[in-house]
Amino acid sequence: TLYIYEFTDLNTEVNITRLETYTNYDFRVNAYTRNGPGDFTSILTLRTDVGVPPEPATPILRLVNNSLEVSLSDVSDVNGPIILYRLYLLDLNTNIESNVYENNSLSGNPLNLDLVLDYDTSYSSRLEVYTSNEYYSESNYSNIVTTESEPTTTTQTPTTQTPTTQTPTTPTTPTT
């Protein structure tokens, strides 16, 4: 898009609106005199600030041997580079949410989180992505997984048998 601004005051400040987030724009200026247009200045390239990143895809949870595996999708950097991925795990039994993963990339996807999970508990998760300290977006909550019940251990008490001795019986003769 080409914008042309004309003004006669040398102390004019131009405010250009409706620019796209995190986009490069080229600027140059030339002056007009009675003799016509002058030469253009060198091109000055400026980039607009980062903006709110696109909403990340919903994480997918999978329970593997009572450990949590989380599949995450990369987020487009259309509004600026993603500087932080932050994953939260929600314990649905207590409604307590914990930050369980922070990184500036999604290396090792799916993530195998080495967490101590409570037995017989339901969990969900959500992902936040940041383009700056002030701009972030978050996913919807994930599917729900429920850990297994605590294994029951039965202890068997060893039984001991005391040997019994049999006393031989002597036959008795009937008396008449």
Protein backbone atom coordinates (compact mmCIF):
# COMPACT_ATOMS: atom_id res chain seq x y z
CA THR A 1 0.00 0.00 0.00
CA LEU A 2 1.35 3.38 -0.92
CA TYR A 3 0.61 6.33 1.35
CA ILE A 4 1.33 9.85 0.17
CA TYR A 5 1.26 12.73 2.64
CA GLU A 6 1.67 16.32 1.56
CA PHE A 7 2.31 19.18 3.97
CA THR A 8 3.86 22.60 3.90
CA ASP A 9 5.02 23.01 7.50
CA LEU A 10 8.54 21.67 8.06
CA ASN A 11 7.72 20.83 11.68
CA THR A 12 4.92 18.46 10.74
CA GLU A 13 4.67 15.10 12.43
CA VAL A 14 2.79 12.46 10.48
CA ASN A 15 0.87 9.75 12.29
CA ILE A 16 0.19 6.78 10.04
CA THR A 17 -2.63 4.55 11.23
CA ARG A 18 -4.04 1.13 10.32
CA LEU A 19 -0.63 -0.47 9.98
CA GLU A 20 -0.34 -4.22 10.34
CA THR A 21 1.21 -5.70 13.50
CA TYR A 22 4.87 -6.79 13.29
CA THR A 23 5.25 -5.69 9.67
CA ASN A 24 8.10 -3.91 7.91
CA TYR A 25 7.33 -0.60 6.22
CA ASP A 26 9.61 1.44 3.97
CA PHE A 27 9.60 5.24 4.25
CA ARG A 28 11.21 7.91 2.14
CA VAL A 29 10.72 11.63 1.77
CA ASN A 30 11.22 14.17 -0.96
CA ALA A 31 10.72 17.91 -1.05
CA TYR A 32 8.94 20.02 -3.61
CA THR A 33 10.09 23.50 -4.48
CA ARG A 34 9.05 26.00 -7.11
CA ASN A 35 11.42 24.17 -9.39
CA GLY A 36 9.64 20.83 -8.90
CA PRO A 37 10.27 17.71 -6.86
CA GLY A 38 13.62 17.05 -5.26
CA ASP A 39 15.35 13.71 -4.86
CA PHE A 40 13.99 11.13 -2.46
CA THR A 41 15.85 10.35 0.73
CA SER A 42 17.27 6.89 1.29
CA ILE A 43 14.68 4.33 2.30
CA LEU A 44 14.13 3.97 6.03
CA THR A 45 12.65 0.60 6.98
CA LEU A 46 10.73 0.38 10.25
CA ARG A 47 8.87 -2.52 11.80
CA THR A 48 5.70 -2.10 13.81
CA ASP A 49 5.56 -3.56 17.31
CA VAL A 50 4.65 -7.13 18.14
CA GLY A 51 1.03 -7.88 18.90
CA VAL A 52 -1.05 -10.57 20.50
CA PRO A 53 -0.06 -13.98 19.13
CA PRO A 54 -2.67 -16.19 17.50
CA GLU A 55 -4.58 -18.50 19.83
CA PRO A 56 -2.63 -21.74 20.28
CA ALA A 57 -4.21 -25.09 19.50
CA THR A 58 -5.66 -26.95 22.46
CA PRO A 59 -3.11 -29.30 24.07
CA ILE A 60 -3.75 -33.03 23.83
CA LEU A 61 -3.12 -35.05 26.97
CA ARG A 62 -2.33 -38.73 27.09
CA LEU A 63 -1.65 -40.82 30.15
CA VAL A 64 1.25 -43.25 29.75
CA ASN A 65 2.02 -45.40 32.79
CA ASN A 66 0.59 -42.76 35.11
CA SER A 67 2.90 -40.14 33.50
CA LEU A 68 1.62 -37.29 31.39
CA GLU A 69 2.38 -36.90 27.69
CA VAL A 70 1.34 -33.55 26.20
CA SER A 71 1.14 -32.84 22.47
CA LEU A 72 1.43 -29.16 21.56
CA SER A 73 1.38 -27.37 18.23
CA ASP A 74 3.68 -24.55 17.19
CA VAL A 75 2.07 -21.13 17.02
CA SER A 76 2.48 -18.82 14.04
CA ASP A 77 4.83 -15.87 14.52
CA VAL A 78 2.70 -13.65 12.28
CA ASN A 79 2.35 -11.06 15.10
CA GLY A 80 5.93 -11.42 16.33
CA PRO A 81 8.25 -14.22 17.41
CA ILE A 82 6.98 -16.45 20.20
CA ILE A 83 9.30 -15.82 23.13
CA LEU A 84 7.65 -18.12 25.68
CA TYR A 85 5.43 -21.18 25.83
CA ARG A 86 3.87 -21.76 29.26
CA LEU A 87 1.84 -24.90 30.04
CA TYR A 88 -0.55 -25.13 32.97
CA LEU A 89 -1.97 -28.32 34.46
CA LEU A 90 -5.33 -28.18 36.20
CA ASP A 91 -6.15 -30.71 38.92
CA LEU A 92 -9.91 -31.02 38.50
CA ASN A 93 -10.36 -32.65 41.91
CA THR A 94 -8.96 -29.62 43.76
CA ASN A 95 -9.37 -26.98 41.02
CA ILE A 96 -5.72 -25.97 41.51
CA GLU A 97 -3.76 -24.94 38.43
CA SER A 98 0.05 -25.27 38.32
CA ASN A 99 2.63 -24.00 35.85
CA VAL A 100 4.38 -27.22 34.76
CA TYR A 101 6.41 -26.17 31.70
CA GLU A 102 8.08 -22.99 30.44
CA ASN A 103 10.32 -22.74 27.41
CA ASN A 104 10.98 -20.51 24.42
CA SER A 105 10.44 -23.40 22.00
CA LEU A 106 8.51 -26.63 21.71
CA SER A 107 11.45 -28.97 21.40
CA GLY A 108 10.71 -32.62 22.08
CA ASN A 109 7.06 -32.55 21.09
CA PRO A 110 5.15 -34.42 22.45
CA LEU A 111 6.41 -33.42 25.85
CA ASN A 112 6.86 -36.15 28.40
CA LEU A 113 6.39 -34.38 31.68
CA ASP A 114 8.03 -36.06 34.62
CA LEU A 115 5.39 -35.11 37.15
CA VAL A 116 4.21 -36.79 40.28
CA LEU A 117 0.51 -37.22 39.59
CA ASP A 118 -1.99 -38.00 42.28
CA TYR A 119 -3.84 -41.28 42.06
CA ASP A 120 -7.46 -41.32 40.95
CA THR A 121 -7.33 -37.68 39.84
CA SER A 122 -8.59 -35.92 36.71
CA TYR A 123 -6.38 -33.41 34.91
CA SER A 124 -6.72 -30.90 32.08
CA SER A 125 -4.25 -28.37 30.67
CA ARG A 126 -3.99 -25.12 28.74
CA LEU A 127 -1.17 -23.35 26.92
CA GLU A 128 -0.18 -19.68 26.97
CA VAL A 129 2.09 -18.19 24.28
CA TYR A 130 3.85 -14.83 24.53
CA THR A 131 5.25 -12.39 21.98
CA SER A 132 6.27 -9.99 24.76
CA ASN A 133 5.75 -9.58 28.51
CA GLU A 134 2.42 -7.90 27.86
CA TYR A 135 1.07 -9.74 24.82
CA TYR A 136 -0.07 -13.33 25.09
CA SER A 137 -2.91 -15.61 24.12
CA GLU A 138 -4.09 -18.88 25.55
CA SER A 139 -5.63 -22.09 24.34
CA ASN A 140 -8.83 -23.71 25.47
CA TYR A 141 -8.57 -26.37 28.14
CA SER A 142 -7.53 -29.78 26.87
CA ASN A 143 -9.19 -33.13 27.05
CA ILE A 144 -9.45 -34.68 30.52
CA VAL A 145 -7.35 -37.61 31.64
CA THR A 146 -7.82 -39.50 34.89
CA THR A 147 -5.02 -41.32 36.65
CA GLU A 148 -5.52 -44.82 37.91
CA SER A 149 -6.45 -45.71 41.44
CA GLU A 150 -3.66 -46.45 43.84
CA PRO A 151 -2.66 -50.07 43.56
CA THR A 152 -3.81 -52.13 46.49
CA THR A 153 -1.28 -54.33 48.12
CA THR A 154 -2.42 -57.33 50.01
CA THR A 155 -0.10 -58.77 52.54
CA GLN A 156 -0.54 -62.35 53.33
CA THR A 157 0.27 -63.51 56.79
CA PRO A 158 2.18 -66.73 56.61
CA THR A 159 0.28 -69.50 58.24
CA THR A 160 2.05 -72.04 60.34
CA GLN A 161 0.64 -75.35 61.17
CA THR A 162 1.57 -77.07 64.35
CA PRO A 163 2.14 -80.70 63.82
CA THR A 164 -0.29 -82.91 65.56
CA THR A 165 0.72 -86.22 66.98
CA GLN A 166 -1.64 -89.04 66.83
CA THR A 167 -1.74 -91.40 69.71
CA PRO A 168 -2.35 -94.90 68.59
CA THR A 169 -5.56 -96.21 69.92
CA THR A 170 -5.78 -99.65 71.34
CA PRO A 171 -8.72 -101.63 70.33
CA THR A 172 -11.12 -102.28 73.14
CA THR A 173 -12.99 -105.46 73.44
CA PRO A 174 -16.56 -105.24 74.30
CA THR A 175 -17.55 -106.68 77.64
CA THR A 176 -20.72 -108.52 78.09
